[in-house]
Amino acid sequence: MTRTTHHSHPTPAFPVFCMAFTDDESLLLGGGGGASRTGIVNKLKLFAVDKGGKKFEGVKEYIFEKGADSPNTLAVDPSKHTVLNASNSLLAIAATNYDGTFSAVTVFTYPDLEVVEKDVLRSKGGSGGEVVDLDWSGDGAWLAITTPSGIDLYSVSLPKSTELADEKSTTAEAMSDITFRQTILPPSLDLNPVVFRSARFARTQPLPVGSSSQISATLHCILNSKSQPKTRSRSSGKRAQSTEKAFACNLSLVKPKPSPVADRADRTGEKDDVAEPKGSDDKAVDQELGKWDVVARRDVGNKPVTALELSTDGKLLAYASSDLSIGILDARTLTPLLKILHAHSFPTTALAFNPSGTLLASSSADNTVRLIVVPESFGSSSTMILSLVIALLLLLIALYIQYKV
């Protein structure tokens, strides 16, 4: 696999649990000491970086109010909504309560930090439980909230162009329509049950799931084997070793559910301007997008994976394992491309690609951030070595034939 350069940068008294690039030269970090009285503040902090990974300078920070927990995951909407100014995007943050039983997800604008939706899981519905990951679709119209027991999908309605002229409506009000649509349950991949760790919307052609709604056809996911209690072997009397595995997997919406209007048009050949039914019937359609199936999978180790990230162009999938390594896969085929065996002293807590895909950032509770330069191409060095070996073998064969003659 390809080699690359990377640089470690300290974050003193700031354990980082989540991160996201807002542009190629701006990296937003979130973390802190949590709700307990550790003396370490919970905050978001913006850093300026360069394409070589050597620069890492603090620019500004936002400190959460006392008593709030530290942010443990965040996602920046990659699209630039017309309702927002050029520097704005949407930011979703999840902060787990101190008892560890529930996560509150708040969506607000960045960098203004104006609340759009507070406590999404309680107000909009979903599988509940601890939120372990968040992601926006490429067009910003969908939000995926990942819990171990399922991936909750929410549609986010975008404002019409006529709403831009309404000076009385605020940015937050214009983006307030977030609707729960479906929960994707963990697939069967192993003898042991698996749980979701992360999910990312693929940058693929979206599929229609209603008269005016589309969703990415594929989700890139990480699933870890669910911990099983160790049992004692009857033959030897020794405790059997528990097997842990982690899987990278691509889920595709293979059977999108058609809207009533589209379904009638397919059967009759007639099209009309009748809107989809509202009320209970519309809710039933919204909450079932269709069937999701595993179309690709790869075993990525015998230790749980702790973080996942997809490059903006959708070609590279980075993951971090609790064995302290970081790997990069081809997002479509899940073929291994690059691996760093020891990235941090503690397991990686978050990963982030910059928008151009030239830099990968990783964070850890060891109070460091590592900036990894992503190679322009993969496999070139190994191809060159293979070519040299073949050329050397041909030369030796030629010399042997000449000597024999």
Foldseek 3Di string as FASTA:
>chain_A
DDDFDKDKDFQPQFAFQEWEALFQFKIKTWGWDFQDPPVTFTKIWIWGADLVHPGTHTDDMDTDDHRFTTWRYKEWQQADAPLDDPSKTKMKTWGAHPVQWFIKIWIDMPPVRHTQDTRCCVPAHDPTTDFQYWYAANNRQWIWTFDFFWIWIKGWDAADPVVSPVPVDDPSNRGNDIHTFETGGDDDDDPADKTWRYKYQFPDDWDDQEPPDTGRFKIWTKIKGDDDDWDADPPPRHTDDDFIWMKIWMKGQPFFDYAPQVVVCVVPVDHDDDHGDDDPVVNVSRRDGHDIDTPAMDTPDRFGWQEWDAALNRQWIWTWGQQQKIWIAGRPHRHTFDMDRHDDPGTWNYWYAHNVRQWIWIGRSVRMIMIIGDDPDTPPVVVVVVVVVVVVVVVVVVVVVVVVD
